Amino acid sequence: MNQSTTGTAGPNDQLLHLVFGGELESPNGMRFADLAGLDIVGIYPNYRTAYAAWKGKAQSTVDNAHMRYFIVHLHRLLEPEMNDAGSAKKG
């Protein structure tokens, strides 16, 4: 069973995460200088592997203050009723 049918995340569930980055117009902002030049690192089945990919890319660009990489929790977009723990939100 998966989280959408049980309301909980099991060990075999995929909590997809996207890692991407690019050069920002300003180190203090969140606007990309060139959308066509975004670096799509990949989509990962869990936060742990996404974090490892993010960390590697972020460390490789540490000398460029305008370069930023991000982790997007795709599973939150695909199933917004689920929280981080994989259980349905109450409310």
N, C-alpha and C. Protein backbone atom coordinates (compact mmCIF):
# COMPACT_ATOMS: atom_id res chain seq x y z
N MET A 1 0.84 -1.18 0.00
CA MET A 1 0.00 0.00 0.00
C MET A 1 0.88 1.24 0.00
N ASN A 2 0.40 2.31 -0.57
CA ASN A 2 1.18 3.54 -0.58
C ASN A 2 0.53 4.59 0.30
N GLN A 3 1.19 5.73 0.42
CA GLN A 3 0.71 6.75 1.33
C GLN A 3 -0.63 7.34 0.91
N SER A 4 -0.95 7.31 -0.38
CA SER A 4 -2.22 7.89 -0.80
C SER A 4 -3.40 7.00 -0.42
N THR A 5 -3.17 5.72 -0.22
CA THR A 5 -4.27 4.86 0.16
C THR A 5 -4.31 4.57 1.66
N THR A 6 -3.17 4.69 2.34
CA THR A 6 -3.15 4.38 3.76
C THR A 6 -3.06 5.61 4.64
N GLY A 7 -2.60 6.74 4.10
CA GLY A 7 -2.44 7.94 4.89
C GLY A 7 -1.11 8.00 5.63
N THR A 8 -0.26 6.98 5.45
CA THR A 8 1.06 6.98 6.07
C THR A 8 2.10 6.59 5.04
N ALA A 9 3.31 7.08 5.22
CA ALA A 9 4.39 6.75 4.31
C ALA A 9 5.10 5.50 4.79
N GLY A 10 5.24 4.53 3.91
CA GLY A 10 5.95 3.30 4.24
C GLY A 10 7.36 3.35 3.69
N PRO A 11 8.17 2.34 4.00
CA PRO A 11 9.56 2.33 3.57
C PRO A 11 9.73 2.26 2.06
N ASN A 12 8.75 1.77 1.33
CA ASN A 12 8.86 1.64 -0.12
C ASN A 12 8.19 2.78 -0.88
N ASP A 13 7.60 3.74 -0.16
CA ASP A 13 6.94 4.86 -0.80
C ASP A 13 7.97 5.82 -1.38
N GLN A 14 7.59 6.48 -2.43
CA GLN A 14 8.46 7.48 -3.05
C GLN A 14 7.99 8.86 -2.66
N LEU A 15 8.84 9.59 -1.96
CA LEU A 15 8.58 10.98 -1.63
C LEU A 15 9.51 11.80 -2.52
N LEU A 16 9.05 12.06 -3.75
CA LEU A 16 9.91 12.64 -4.78
C LEU A 16 10.37 14.05 -4.44
N HIS A 17 11.66 14.31 -4.75
CA HIS A 17 12.29 15.61 -4.53
C HIS A 17 13.06 16.01 -5.79
N LEU A 18 12.91 17.26 -6.19
CA LEU A 18 13.62 17.82 -7.34
C LEU A 18 14.77 18.68 -6.84
N VAL A 19 15.95 18.50 -7.41
CA VAL A 19 17.10 19.34 -7.09
C VAL A 19 17.44 20.13 -8.36
N PHE A 20 17.48 21.46 -8.22
CA PHE A 20 17.82 22.31 -9.35
C PHE A 20 18.50 23.57 -8.83
N GLY A 21 19.11 24.29 -9.74
CA GLY A 21 19.77 25.54 -9.36
C GLY A 21 20.11 26.38 -10.55
N GLY A 22 20.68 27.53 -10.25
CA GLY A 22 21.08 28.44 -11.29
C GLY A 22 21.64 29.71 -10.70
N GLU A 23 22.06 30.57 -11.58
CA GLU A 23 22.65 31.83 -11.14
C GLU A 23 21.55 32.86 -10.88
N LEU A 24 21.61 33.49 -9.72
CA LEU A 24 20.64 34.50 -9.34
C LEU A 24 21.10 35.88 -9.81
N GLU A 25 20.14 36.77 -10.03
CA GLU A 25 20.48 38.15 -10.39
C GLU A 25 21.23 38.84 -9.25
N SER A 26 20.85 38.51 -8.02
CA SER A 26 21.47 39.10 -6.84
C SER A 26 21.60 38.03 -5.77
N PRO A 27 22.70 37.99 -5.05
CA PRO A 27 22.84 36.99 -3.98
C PRO A 27 21.79 37.13 -2.88
N ASN A 28 21.17 38.30 -2.80
CA ASN A 28 20.15 38.53 -1.79
C ASN A 28 18.73 38.24 -2.27
N GLY A 29 18.57 37.90 -3.53
CA GLY A 29 17.25 37.70 -4.10
C GLY A 29 16.98 36.25 -4.46
N MET A 30 15.83 36.04 -5.08
CA MET A 30 15.43 34.71 -5.52
C MET A 30 15.04 34.71 -7.00
N ARG A 31 15.51 35.68 -7.75
CA ARG A 31 15.20 35.78 -9.18
C ARG A 31 16.41 35.28 -9.98
N PHE A 32 16.15 34.29 -10.85
CA PHE A 32 17.22 33.71 -11.65
C PHE A 32 17.61 34.65 -12.79
N ALA A 33 18.90 34.72 -13.06
CA ALA A 33 19.43 35.57 -14.13
C ALA A 33 19.07 35.01 -15.51
N ASP A 34 19.01 33.68 -15.65
CA ASP A 34 18.76 33.05 -16.95
C ASP A 34 17.97 31.77 -16.74
N LEU A 35 16.67 31.82 -16.96
CA LEU A 35 15.83 30.63 -16.77
C LEU A 35 16.22 29.50 -17.71
N ALA A 36 16.66 29.83 -18.91
CA ALA A 36 17.07 28.79 -19.87
C ALA A 36 18.33 28.08 -19.40
N GLY A 37 19.09 28.72 -18.53
CA GLY A 37 20.33 28.14 -18.05
C GLY A 37 20.22 27.40 -16.73
N LEU A 38 18.98 27.14 -16.26
CA LEU A 38 18.83 26.41 -15.01
C LEU A 38 19.44 25.03 -15.10
N ASP A 39 20.06 24.60 -14.03
CA ASP A 39 20.67 23.28 -13.94
C ASP A 39 19.69 22.35 -13.22
N ILE A 40 19.06 21.46 -13.97
CA ILE A 40 18.15 20.47 -13.38
C ILE A 40 19.03 19.28 -13.01
N VAL A 41 19.32 19.14 -11.73
CA VAL A 41 20.22 18.08 -11.25
C VAL A 41 19.53 16.73 -11.34
N GLY A 42 18.28 16.66 -10.89
CA GLY A 42 17.56 15.40 -10.97
C GLY A 42 16.38 15.32 -10.02
N ILE A 43 15.66 14.21 -10.12
CA ILE A 43 14.54 13.90 -9.23
C ILE A 43 14.92 12.67 -8.44
N TYR A 44 14.71 12.75 -7.14
CA TYR A 44 15.18 11.71 -6.22
C TYR A 44 14.03 11.13 -5.42
N PRO A 45 14.14 9.86 -5.01
CA PRO A 45 13.02 9.17 -4.36
C PRO A 45 12.82 9.54 -2.89
N ASN A 46 13.76 10.26 -2.30
CA ASN A 46 13.61 10.64 -0.90
C ASN A 46 14.51 11.85 -0.61
N TYR A 47 14.28 12.46 0.55
CA TYR A 47 15.01 13.66 0.90
C TYR A 47 16.50 13.38 1.09
N ARG A 48 16.83 12.25 1.65
CA ARG A 48 18.23 11.92 1.93
C ARG A 48 19.07 11.94 0.66
N THR A 49 18.61 11.31 -0.40
CA THR A 49 19.39 11.29 -1.64
C THR A 49 19.34 12.64 -2.34
N ALA A 50 18.23 13.35 -2.23
CA ALA A 50 18.14 14.69 -2.80
C ALA A 50 19.12 15.63 -2.09
N TYR A 51 19.20 15.51 -0.79
CA TYR A 51 20.12 16.35 -0.02
C TYR A 51 21.57 16.10 -0.41
N ALA A 52 21.92 14.84 -0.60
CA ALA A 52 23.28 14.49 -1.01
C ALA A 52 23.60 15.12 -2.37
N ALA A 53 22.66 15.07 -3.30
CA ALA A 53 22.87 15.68 -4.63
C ALA A 53 22.96 17.20 -4.51
N TRP A 54 22.06 17.80 -3.71
CA TRP A 54 22.09 19.24 -3.50
C TRP A 54 23.42 19.68 -2.90
N LYS A 55 23.87 18.96 -1.89
CA LYS A 55 25.11 19.32 -1.20
C LYS A 55 26.30 19.28 -2.14
N GLY A 56 26.36 18.26 -2.98
CA GLY A 56 27.45 18.14 -3.94
C GLY A 56 27.47 19.30 -4.92
N LYS A 57 26.31 19.66 -5.46
CA LYS A 57 26.23 20.77 -6.41
C LYS A 57 26.51 22.10 -5.72
N ALA A 58 25.97 22.29 -4.54
CA ALA A 58 26.18 23.55 -3.82
C ALA A 58 27.65 23.73 -3.47
N GLN A 59 28.31 22.67 -3.05
CA GLN A 59 29.72 22.76 -2.70
C GLN A 59 30.59 23.00 -3.93
N SER A 60 30.17 22.48 -5.08
CA SER A 60 30.97 22.66 -6.29
C SER A 60 30.89 24.09 -6.84
N THR A 61 29.91 24.87 -6.37
CA THR A 61 29.74 26.24 -6.85
C THR A 61 29.94 27.26 -5.73
N VAL A 62 30.60 26.86 -4.67
CA VAL A 62 30.75 27.72 -3.50
C VAL A 62 31.48 29.02 -3.82
N ASP A 63 32.30 29.07 -4.84
CA ASP A 63 33.04 30.27 -5.20
C ASP A 63 32.20 31.31 -5.95
N ASN A 64 30.99 30.93 -6.37
CA ASN A 64 30.11 31.84 -7.09
C ASN A 64 28.95 32.22 -6.16
N ALA A 65 29.00 33.43 -5.60
CA ALA A 65 27.98 33.87 -4.64
C ALA A 65 26.60 33.99 -5.26
N HIS A 66 26.51 34.07 -6.58
CA HIS A 66 25.21 34.18 -7.24
C HIS A 66 24.56 32.83 -7.54
N MET A 67 25.30 31.76 -7.41
CA MET A 67 24.79 30.43 -7.76
C MET A 67 24.10 29.81 -6.55
N ARG A 68 22.87 29.32 -6.75
CA ARG A 68 22.12 28.67 -5.68
C ARG A 68 21.46 27.40 -6.19
N TYR A 69 21.41 26.40 -5.33
CA TYR A 69 20.69 25.16 -5.61
C TYR A 69 19.60 24.98 -4.58
N PHE A 70 18.52 24.33 -4.99
CA PHE A 70 17.34 24.18 -4.16
C PHE A 70 16.82 22.74 -4.20
N ILE A 71 16.12 22.36 -3.16
CA ILE A 71 15.40 21.09 -3.11
C ILE A 71 13.91 21.43 -3.06
N VAL A 72 13.16 20.89 -4.01
CA VAL A 72 11.71 21.08 -4.05
C VAL A 72 11.06 19.75 -3.66
N HIS A 73 10.16 19.80 -2.72
CA HIS A 73 9.45 18.61 -2.25
C HIS A 73 8.28 18.34 -3.21
N LEU A 74 8.56 17.60 -4.29
CA LEU A 74 7.53 17.33 -5.29
C LEU A 74 6.35 16.58 -4.70
N HIS A 75 6.61 15.72 -3.73
CA HIS A 75 5.52 14.95 -3.14
C HIS A 75 4.51 15.86 -2.46
N ARG A 76 4.94 17.02 -1.97
CA ARG A 76 4.00 17.98 -1.36
C ARG A 76 3.11 18.61 -2.42
N LEU A 77 3.64 18.78 -3.63
CA LEU A 77 2.84 19.34 -4.72
C LEU A 77 1.89 18.30 -5.29
N LEU A 78 2.35 17.06 -5.36
CA LEU A 78 1.54 15.98 -5.93
C LEU A 78 0.43 15.53 -5.00
N GLU A 79 0.71 15.56 -3.70
CA GLU A 79 -0.28 15.15 -2.70
C GLU A 79 -0.28 16.17 -1.56
N PRO A 80 -0.86 17.36 -1.79
CA PRO A 80 -0.77 18.42 -0.80
C PRO A 80 -1.45 18.11 0.53
N GLU A 81 -2.30 17.11 0.56
CA GLU A 81 -2.97 16.76 1.82
C GLU A 81 -2.07 15.98 2.77
N MET A 82 -0.88 15.61 2.28
CA MET A 82 0.05 14.85 3.11
C MET A 82 1.06 15.79 3.74
N ASN A 83 1.44 15.54 5.00
CA ASN A 83 2.47 16.37 5.63
C ASN A 83 3.80 15.66 5.53
N ASP A 84 4.85 16.21 6.10
CA ASP A 84 6.20 15.64 6.00
C ASP A 84 6.30 14.25 6.57
N ALA A 85 5.54 13.95 7.58
CA ALA A 85 5.61 12.63 8.20
C ALA A 85 4.85 11.59 7.38
N GLY A 86 4.17 12.04 6.31
CA GLY A 86 3.46 11.11 5.46
C GLY A 86 2.05 10.83 5.90
N SER A 87 1.58 11.53 6.94
CA SER A 87 0.22 11.30 7.38
C SER A 87 -0.66 12.46 6.94
N ALA A 88 -1.95 12.18 6.84
CA ALA A 88 -2.87 13.21 6.39
C ALA A 88 -2.94 14.36 7.38
N LYS A 89 -3.02 15.58 6.85
CA LYS A 89 -3.14 16.75 7.72
C LYS A 89 -4.50 16.77 8.38
N LYS A 90 -4.53 17.21 9.60
CA LYS A 90 -5.78 17.35 10.32
C LYS A 90 -6.23 18.80 10.25
N GLY A 91 -7.48 19.01 10.15
CA GLY A 91 -7.91 20.41 10.16
C GLY A 91 -9.03 20.60 9.29
